[in-house]
Each structure stands twice: as structure tokens, then as C-alpha cells.
Amino acid sequence: MTGKSPRKKVVNQQAHAQAPRLLRDVLGNLLPDGQERRYRRILSFKDEVQYGTRQATRDEAGRLLADLEEFARWAQELL
């Protein structure tokens, strides 16, 4: 995680599944539980579709987009 803030500058060199834990380690209580859950859902969905055997439905893609937009809005406010 890098950015304009004075927070720790850390690069996730492990599997992206560890990214939510890294974000928690870096941000501590600044990471709301709901955003952590949202981030985990996004990554889980990505794994399931990218590495699994099924395609996402339009409804699932819409829900993912809503999660992504909310997570991005929160991240922008944090920066």
C-alpha cells in the first residue's frame, strides 16, 4: 500500500488473498469492518470467476460493481 498519506508503505508480495489482512495491518482501526468484508467479497468473487469453472451472471456483476464503487469511494476519502 502506497499513497500520499504518512502511513506505512508496504507492498503485498504474497497472494492477493492476503491483501485484506495487510490492509488491516497497515490501517488498523481506520479500516472499517464493513469495508474489510467488502474487500474480501470482491477478491473472493474475482477468484471464483477467474480461477473457477463458472461465469458470473449480470446480477452478480452488478453487485460486484456496487461493492467496487463503494470501496473506491471510501479509499478516495481516506487518501
PDB file of N, CA and C in Angstrom:
ATOM      1  N   MET A   1       0.851  -1.167   0.000  1.00  0.00           N
ATOM      2  CA  MET A   1       0.000   0.000   0.000  1.00  0.00           C
ATOM      3  C   MET A   1       0.888   1.217   0.000  1.00  0.00           C
ATOM      4  N   THR A   2       0.703   2.023  -0.963  1.00  0.00           N
ATOM      5  CA  THR A   2       1.425   3.279  -1.019  1.00  0.00           C
ATOM      6  C   THR A   2       0.423   4.385  -1.253  1.00  0.00           C
ATOM      7  N   GLY A   3       0.834   5.590  -1.054  1.00  0.00           N
ATOM      8  CA  GLY A   3      -0.070   6.709  -1.262  1.00  0.00           C
ATOM      9  C   GLY A   3       0.511   7.975  -0.701  1.00  0.00           C
ATOM     10  N   LYS A   4      -0.293   9.018  -0.654  1.00  0.00           N
ATOM     11  CA  LYS A   4       0.163  10.320  -0.195  1.00  0.00           C
ATOM     12  C   LYS A   4       0.160  10.443   1.327  1.00  0.00           C
ATOM     13  N   SER A   5      -0.423   9.497   2.006  1.00  0.00           N
ATOM     14  CA  SER A   5      -0.554   9.599   3.455  1.00  0.00           C
ATOM     15  C   SER A   5       0.751   9.215   4.148  1.00  0.00           C
ATOM     16  N   PRO A   6       0.913   9.623   5.404  1.00  0.00           N
ATOM     17  CA  PRO A   6       2.136   9.281   6.147  1.00  0.00           C
ATOM     18  C   PRO A   6       2.107   7.867   6.711  1.00  0.00           C
ATOM     19  N   ARG A   7       1.120   7.071   6.336  1.00  0.00           N
ATOM     20  CA  ARG A   7       1.016   5.704   6.847  1.00  0.00           C
ATOM     21  C   ARG A   7       2.164   4.852   6.330  1.00  0.00           C
ATOM     22  N   LYS A   8       2.260   3.661   6.890  1.00  0.00           N
ATOM     23  CA  LYS A   8       3.287   2.713   6.464  1.00  0.00           C
ATOM     24  C   LYS A   8       3.217   2.497   4.966  1.00  0.00           C
ATOM     25  N   LYS A   9       4.359   2.332   4.356  1.00  0.00           N
ATOM     26  CA  LYS A   9       4.403   1.995   2.932  1.00  0.00           C
ATOM     27  C   LYS A   9       4.823   0.542   2.841  1.00  0.00           C
ATOM     28  N   VAL A  10       3.875  -0.295   2.445  1.00  0.00           N
ATOM     29  CA  VAL A  10       4.066  -1.735   2.431  1.00  0.00           C
ATOM     30  C   VAL A  10       3.628  -2.258   1.075  1.00  0.00           C
ATOM     31  N   VAL A  11       4.339  -3.224   0.561  1.00  0.00           N
ATOM     32  CA  VAL A  11       3.978  -3.863  -0.692  1.00  0.00           C
ATOM     33  C   VAL A  11       3.577  -5.293  -0.389  1.00  0.00           C
ATOM     34  N   ASN A  12       2.414  -5.699  -0.874  1.00  0.00           N
ATOM     35  CA  ASN A  12       1.945  -7.065  -0.674  1.00  0.00           C
ATOM     36  C   ASN A  12       2.641  -7.963  -1.686  1.00  0.00           C
ATOM     37  N   GLN A  13       3.569  -8.774  -1.221  1.00  0.00           N
ATOM     38  CA  GLN A  13       4.285  -9.679  -2.105  1.00  0.00           C
ATOM     39  C   GLN A  13       3.758 -11.107  -1.979  1.00  0.00           C
ATOM     40  N   GLN A  14       2.677 -11.282  -1.244  1.00  0.00           N
ATOM     41  CA  GLN A  14       2.055 -12.588  -1.085  1.00  0.00           C
ATOM     42  C   GLN A  14       0.832 -12.651  -1.993  1.00  0.00           C
ATOM     43  N   ALA A  15       0.120 -13.734  -1.931  1.00  0.00           N
ATOM     44  CA  ALA A  15      -1.094 -13.892  -2.724  1.00  0.00           C
ATOM     45  C   ALA A  15      -2.078 -12.772  -2.396  1.00  0.00           C
ATOM     46  N   HIS A  16      -2.844 -12.368  -3.401  1.00  0.00           N
ATOM     47  CA  HIS A  16      -3.778 -11.264  -3.174  1.00  0.00           C
ATOM     48  C   HIS A  16      -4.835 -11.614  -2.129  1.00  0.00           C
ATOM     49  N   ALA A  17      -5.024 -12.880  -1.827  1.00  0.00           N
ATOM     50  CA  ALA A  17      -5.967 -13.263  -0.783  1.00  0.00           C
ATOM     51  C   ALA A  17      -5.529 -12.741   0.583  1.00  0.00           C
ATOM     52  N   GLN A  18      -4.248 -12.432   0.727  1.00  0.00           N
ATOM     53  CA  GLN A  18      -3.734 -11.886   1.980  1.00  0.00           C
ATOM     54  C   GLN A  18      -3.868 -10.364   2.042  1.00  0.00           C
ATOM     55  N   ALA A  19      -4.303  -9.751   0.954  1.00  0.00           N
ATOM     56  CA  ALA A  19      -4.388  -8.290   0.888  1.00  0.00           C
ATOM     57  C   ALA A  19      -5.300  -7.692   1.967  1.00  0.00           C
ATOM     58  N   PRO A  20      -6.462  -8.280   2.275  1.00  0.00           N
ATOM     59  CA  PRO A  20      -7.282  -7.690   3.344  1.00  0.00           C
ATOM     60  C   PRO A  20      -6.565  -7.677   4.694  1.00  0.00           C
ATOM     61  N   ARG A  21      -5.820  -8.718   4.988  1.00  0.00           N
ATOM     62  CA  ARG A  21      -5.073  -8.745   6.260  1.00  0.00           C
ATOM     63  C   ARG A  21      -3.990  -7.671   6.251  1.00  0.00           C
ATOM     64  N   LEU A  22      -3.310  -7.508   5.117  1.00  0.00           N
ATOM     65  CA  LEU A  22      -2.290  -6.471   5.000  1.00  0.00           C
ATOM     66  C   LEU A  22      -2.913  -5.089   5.191  1.00  0.00           C
ATOM     67  N   LEU A  23      -4.062  -4.874   4.571  1.00  0.00           N
ATOM     68  CA  LEU A  23      -4.748  -3.591   4.722  1.00  0.00           C
ATOM     69  C   LEU A  23      -5.098  -3.349   6.177  1.00  0.00           C
ATOM     70  N   ARG A  24      -5.555  -4.378   6.870  1.00  0.00           N
ATOM     71  CA  ARG A  24      -5.871  -4.247   8.300  1.00  0.00           C
ATOM     72  C   ARG A  24      -4.597  -3.940   9.096  1.00  0.00           C
ATOM     73  N   ASP A  25      -3.501  -4.631   8.778  1.00  0.00           N
ATOM     74  CA  ASP A  25      -2.235  -4.390   9.478  1.00  0.00           C
ATOM     75  C   ASP A  25      -1.768  -2.950   9.299  1.00  0.00           C
ATOM     76  N   VAL A  26      -1.931  -2.425   8.097  1.00  0.00           N
ATOM     77  CA  VAL A  26      -1.457  -1.073   7.801  1.00  0.00           C
ATOM     78  C   VAL A  26      -2.395  -0.010   8.382  1.00  0.00           C
ATOM     79  N   LEU A  27      -3.701  -0.198   8.220  1.00  0.00           N
ATOM     80  CA  LEU A  27      -4.655   0.832   8.630  1.00  0.00           C
ATOM     81  C   LEU A  27      -5.191   0.669  10.039  1.00  0.00           C
ATOM     82  N   GLY A  28      -5.103  -0.526  10.579  1.00  0.00           N
ATOM     83  CA  GLY A  28      -5.639  -0.753  11.924  1.00  0.00           C
ATOM     84  C   GLY A  28      -7.117  -0.397  11.982  1.00  0.00           C
ATOM     85  N   ASN A  29      -7.486   0.413  12.969  1.00  0.00           N
ATOM     86  CA  ASN A  29      -8.884   0.777  13.172  1.00  0.00           C
ATOM     87  C   ASN A  29      -9.425   1.743  12.126  1.00  0.00           C
ATOM     88  N   LEU A  30      -8.558   2.274  11.269  1.00  0.00           N
ATOM     89  CA  LEU A  30      -9.037   3.145  10.193  1.00  0.00           C
ATOM     90  C   LEU A  30      -9.755   2.349   9.102  1.00  0.00           C
ATOM     91  N   LEU A  31      -9.596   1.031   9.123  1.00  0.00           N
ATOM     92  CA  LEU A  31     -10.292   0.166   8.170  1.00  0.00           C
ATOM     93  C   LEU A  31     -11.589  -0.312   8.820  1.00  0.00           C
ATOM     94  N   PRO A  32     -12.716   0.232   8.382  1.00  0.00           N
ATOM     95  CA  PRO A  32     -13.990  -0.227   8.952  1.00  0.00           C
ATOM     96  C   PRO A  32     -14.221  -1.706   8.633  1.00  0.00           C
ATOM     97  N   ASP A  33     -14.834  -2.406   9.560  1.00  0.00           N
ATOM     98  CA  ASP A  33     -15.112  -3.830   9.365  1.00  0.00           C
ATOM     99  C   ASP A  33     -15.899  -4.075   8.091  1.00  0.00           C
ATOM    100  N   GLY A  34     -16.863  -3.199   7.804  1.00  0.00           N
ATOM    101  CA  GLY A  34     -17.665  -3.357   6.602  1.00  0.00           C
ATOM    102  C   GLY A  34     -16.842  -3.256   5.326  1.00  0.00           C
ATOM    103  N   GLN A  35     -15.863  -2.377   5.319  1.00  0.00           N
ATOM    104  CA  GLN A  35     -15.004  -2.252   4.139  1.00  0.00           C
ATOM    105  C   GLN A  35     -14.088  -3.465   4.002  1.00  0.00           C
ATOM    106  N   GLU A  36     -13.631  -3.992   5.123  1.00  0.00           N
ATOM    107  CA  GLU A  36     -12.814  -5.205   5.066  1.00  0.00           C
ATOM    108  C   GLU A  36     -13.628  -6.368   4.492  1.00  0.00           C
ATOM    109  N   ARG A  37     -14.868  -6.509   4.956  1.00  0.00           N
ATOM    110  CA  ARG A  37     -15.734  -7.569   4.426  1.00  0.00           C
ATOM    111  C   ARG A  37     -15.993  -7.356   2.935  1.00  0.00           C
ATOM    112  N   ARG A  38     -16.234  -6.118   2.546  1.00  0.00           N
ATOM    113  CA  ARG A  38     -16.473  -5.802   1.135  1.00  0.00           C
ATOM    114  C   ARG A  38     -15.257  -6.187   0.300  1.00  0.00           C
ATOM    115  N   TYR A  39     -14.064  -5.843   0.767  1.00  0.00           N
ATOM    116  CA  TYR A  39     -12.830  -6.150   0.051  1.00  0.00           C
ATOM    117  C   TYR A  39     -12.652  -7.662  -0.086  1.00  0.00           C
ATOM    118  N   ARG A  40     -12.942  -8.393   0.983  1.00  0.00           N
ATOM    119  CA  ARG A  40     -12.853  -9.858   0.932  1.00  0.00           C
ATOM    120  C   ARG A  40     -13.849 -10.437  -0.085  1.00  0.00           C
ATOM    121  N   ARG A  41     -15.077  -9.882  -0.113  1.00  0.00           N
ATOM    122  CA  ARG A  41     -16.085 -10.336  -1.083  1.00  0.00           C
ATOM    123  C   ARG A  41     -15.608 -10.099  -2.513  1.00  0.00           C
ATOM    124  N   ILE A  42     -15.041  -8.930  -2.753  1.00  0.00           N
ATOM    125  CA  ILE A  42     -14.559  -8.591  -4.094  1.00  0.00           C
ATOM    126  C   ILE A  42     -13.495  -9.587  -4.531  1.00  0.00           C
ATOM    127  N   LEU A  43     -12.516  -9.831  -3.659  1.00  0.00           N
ATOM    128  CA  LEU A  43     -11.431 -10.755  -4.011  1.00  0.00           C
ATOM    129  C   LEU A  43     -11.924 -12.186  -4.157  1.00  0.00           C
ATOM    130  N   SER A  44     -12.854 -12.587  -3.310  1.00  0.00           N
ATOM    131  CA  SER A  44     -13.407 -13.940  -3.387  1.00  0.00           C
ATOM    132  C   SER A  44     -14.147 -14.134  -4.706  1.00  0.00           C
ATOM    133  N   PHE A  45     -14.925 -13.139  -5.084  1.00  0.00           N
ATOM    134  CA  PHE A  45     -15.668 -13.204  -6.342  1.00  0.00           C
ATOM    135  C   PHE A  45     -14.698 -13.288  -7.515  1.00  0.00           C
ATOM    136  N   LYS A  46     -13.661 -12.479  -7.477  1.00  0.00           N
ATOM    137  CA  LYS A  46     -12.647 -12.486  -8.525  1.00  0.00           C
ATOM    138  C   LYS A  46     -12.033 -13.874  -8.660  1.00  0.00           C
ATOM    139  N   ASP A  47     -11.633 -14.453  -7.539  1.00  0.00           N
ATOM    140  CA  ASP A  47     -11.034 -15.793  -7.564  1.00  0.00           C
ATOM    141  C   ASP A  47     -11.991 -16.829  -8.144  1.00  0.00           C
ATOM    142  N   GLU A  48     -13.226 -16.774  -7.679  1.00  0.00           N
ATOM    143  CA  GLU A  48     -14.217 -17.759  -8.105  1.00  0.00           C
ATOM    144  C   GLU A  48     -14.435 -17.713  -9.616  1.00  0.00           C
ATOM    145  N   VAL A  49     -14.524 -16.521 -10.159  1.00  0.00           N
ATOM    146  CA  VAL A  49     -14.794 -16.381 -11.587  1.00  0.00           C
ATOM    147  C   VAL A  49     -13.530 -16.582 -12.422  1.00  0.00           C
ATOM    148  N   GLN A  50     -12.413 -16.007 -11.953  1.00  0.00           N
ATOM    149  CA  GLN A  50     -11.191 -16.115 -12.740  1.00  0.00           C
ATOM    150  C   GLN A  50     -10.610 -17.519 -12.726  1.00  0.00           C
ATOM    151  N   TYR A  51     -10.604 -18.161 -11.570  1.00  0.00           N
ATOM    152  CA  TYR A  51      -9.954 -19.458 -11.444  1.00  0.00           C
ATOM    153  C   TYR A  51     -10.938 -20.625 -11.400  1.00  0.00           C
ATOM    154  N   GLY A  52     -12.211 -20.333 -11.225  1.00  0.00           N
ATOM    155  CA  GLY A  52     -13.219 -21.381 -11.141  1.00  0.00           C
ATOM    156  C   GLY A  52     -13.718 -21.784 -12.511  1.00  0.00           C
ATOM    157  N   THR A  53     -14.827 -22.491 -12.512  1.00  0.00           N
ATOM    158  CA  THR A  53     -15.338 -23.035 -13.768  1.00  0.00           C
ATOM    159  C   THR A  53     -16.642 -22.377 -14.214  1.00  0.00           C
ATOM    160  N   ARG A  54     -17.085 -21.363 -13.520  1.00  0.00           N
ATOM    161  CA  ARG A  54     -18.359 -20.756 -13.908  1.00  0.00           C
ATOM    162  C   ARG A  54     -18.189 -19.289 -14.276  1.00  0.00           C
ATOM    163  N   GLN A  55     -19.164 -18.799 -15.007  1.00  0.00           N
ATOM    164  CA  GLN A  55     -19.193 -17.392 -15.358  1.00  0.00           C
ATOM    165  C   GLN A  55     -20.119 -16.663 -14.402  1.00  0.00           C
ATOM    166  N   ALA A  56     -19.881 -15.387 -14.225  1.00  0.00           N
ATOM    167  CA  ALA A  56     -20.735 -14.569 -13.371  1.00  0.00           C
ATOM    168  C   ALA A  56     -21.992 -14.176 -14.132  1.00  0.00           C
ATOM    169  N   THR A  57     -23.074 -14.006 -13.396  1.00  0.00           N
ATOM    170  CA  THR A  57     -24.307 -13.508 -14.010  1.00  0.00           C
ATOM    171  C   THR A  57     -24.260 -11.985 -14.049  1.00  0.00           C
ATOM    172  N   ARG A  58     -25.151 -11.408 -14.798  1.00  0.00           N
ATOM    173  CA  ARG A  58     -25.245  -9.946 -14.882  1.00  0.00           C
ATOM    174  C   ARG A  58     -25.583  -9.356 -13.509  1.00  0.00           C
ATOM    175  N   ASP A  59     -26.478 -10.014 -12.773  1.00  0.00           N
ATOM    176  CA  ASP A  59     -26.835  -9.532 -11.430  1.00  0.00           C
ATOM    177  C   ASP A  59     -25.628  -9.563 -10.494  1.00  0.00           C
ATOM    178  N   GLU A  60     -24.863 -10.645 -10.543  1.00  0.00           N
ATOM    179  CA  GLU A  60     -23.661 -10.741  -9.703  1.00  0.00           C
ATOM    180  C   GLU A  60     -22.662  -9.655 -10.074  1.00  0.00           C
ATOM    181  N   ALA A  61     -22.492  -9.418 -11.357  1.00  0.00           N
ATOM    182  CA  ALA A  61     -21.575  -8.373 -11.808  1.00  0.00           C
ATOM    183  C   ALA A  61     -22.043  -7.003 -11.331  1.00  0.00           C
ATOM    184  N   GLY A  62     -23.345  -6.782 -11.327  1.00  0.00           N
ATOM    185  CA  GLY A  62     -23.889  -5.512 -10.829  1.00  0.00           C
ATOM    186  C   GLY A  62     -23.620  -5.322  -9.352  1.00  0.00           C
ATOM    187  N   ARG A  63     -23.784  -6.389  -8.578  1.00  0.00           N
ATOM    188  CA  ARG A  63     -23.493  -6.296  -7.137  1.00  0.00           C
ATOM    189  C   ARG A  63     -22.005  -6.063  -6.901  1.00  0.00           C
ATOM    190  N   LEU A  64     -21.163  -6.726  -7.683  1.00  0.00           N
ATOM    191  CA  LEU A  64     -19.725  -6.529  -7.553  1.00  0.00           C
ATOM    192  C   LEU A  64     -19.357  -5.083  -7.889  1.00  0.00           C
ATOM    193  N   LEU A  65     -19.943  -4.549  -8.938  1.00  0.00           N
ATOM    194  CA  LEU A  65     -19.667  -3.168  -9.319  1.00  0.00           C
ATOM    195  C   LEU A  65     -20.063  -2.212  -8.201  1.00  0.00           C
ATOM    196  N   ALA A  66     -21.207  -2.447  -7.580  1.00  0.00           N
ATOM    197  CA  ALA A  66     -21.633  -1.603  -6.457  1.00  0.00           C
ATOM    198  C   ALA A  66     -20.632  -1.697  -5.309  1.00  0.00           C
ATOM    199  N   ASP A  67     -20.162  -2.899  -5.001  1.00  0.00           N
ATOM    200  CA  ASP A  67     -19.146  -3.074  -3.951  1.00  0.00           C
ATOM    201  C   ASP A  67     -17.856  -2.343  -4.321  1.00  0.00           C
ATOM    202  N   LEU A  68     -17.439  -2.490  -5.560  1.00  0.00           N
ATOM    203  CA  LEU A  68     -16.209  -1.830  -6.005  1.00  0.00           C
ATOM    204  C   LEU A  68     -16.325  -0.312  -5.917  1.00  0.00           C
ATOM    205  N   GLU A  69     -17.459   0.228  -6.334  1.00  0.00           N
ATOM    206  CA  GLU A  69     -17.655   1.675  -6.272  1.00  0.00           C
ATOM    207  C   GLU A  69     -17.646   2.186  -4.839  1.00  0.00           C
ATOM    208  N   GLU A  70     -18.284   1.449  -3.946  1.00  0.00           N
ATOM    209  CA  GLU A  70     -18.305   1.861  -2.532  1.00  0.00           C
ATOM    210  C   GLU A  70     -16.908   1.776  -1.925  1.00  0.00           C
ATOM    211  N   PHE A  71     -16.191   0.709  -2.227  1.00  0.00           N
ATOM    212  CA  PHE A  71     -14.835   0.562  -1.697  1.00  0.00           C
ATOM    213  C   PHE A  71     -13.935   1.673  -2.231  1.00  0.00           C
ATOM    214  N   ALA A  72     -14.043   1.979  -3.513  1.00  0.00           N
ATOM    215  CA  ALA A  72     -13.244   3.045  -4.115  1.00  0.00           C
ATOM    216  C   ALA A  72     -13.592   4.399  -3.511  1.00  0.00           C
ATOM    217  N   ARG A  73     -14.855   4.659  -3.274  1.00  0.00           N
ATOM    218  CA  ARG A  73     -15.280   5.927  -2.653  1.00  0.00           C
ATOM    219  C   ARG A  73     -14.656   6.071  -1.269  1.00  0.00           C
ATOM    220  N   TRP A  74     -14.713   5.002  -0.489  1.00  0.00           N
ATOM    221  CA  TRP A  74     -14.125   5.019   0.854  1.00  0.00           C
ATOM    222  C   TRP A  74     -12.604   5.254   0.770  1.00  0.00           C
ATOM    223  N   ALA A  75     -11.925   4.555  -0.142  1.00  0.00           N
ATOM    224  CA  ALA A  75     -10.468   4.684  -0.284  1.00  0.00           C
ATOM    225  C   ALA A  75     -10.094   6.108  -0.682  1.00  0.00           C
ATOM    226  N   GLN A  76     -10.841   6.704  -1.590  1.00  0.00           N
ATOM    227  CA  GLN A  76     -10.569   8.079  -2.006  1.00  0.00           C
ATOM    228  C   GLN A  76     -10.714   9.048  -0.844  1.00  0.00           C
ATOM    229  N   GLU A  77     -11.726   8.850  -0.022  1.00  0.00           N
ATOM    230  CA  GLU A  77     -11.927   9.708   1.147  1.00  0.00           C
ATOM    231  C   GLU A  77     -10.785   9.552   2.137  1.00  0.00           C
ATOM    232  N   LEU A  78     -10.285   8.357   2.257  1.00  0.00           N
ATOM    233  CA  LEU A  78      -9.180   8.079   3.188  1.00  0.00           C
ATOM    234  C   LEU A  78      -7.900   8.764   2.745  1.00  0.00           C
ATOM    235  N   LEU A  79      -7.668   8.790   1.432  1.00  0.00           N
ATOM    236  CA  LEU A  79      -6.458   9.417   0.914  1.00  0.00           C
ATOM    237  C   LEU A  79      -6.578  10.920   0.971  1.00  0.00           C
TER     238      LEU A  79
END
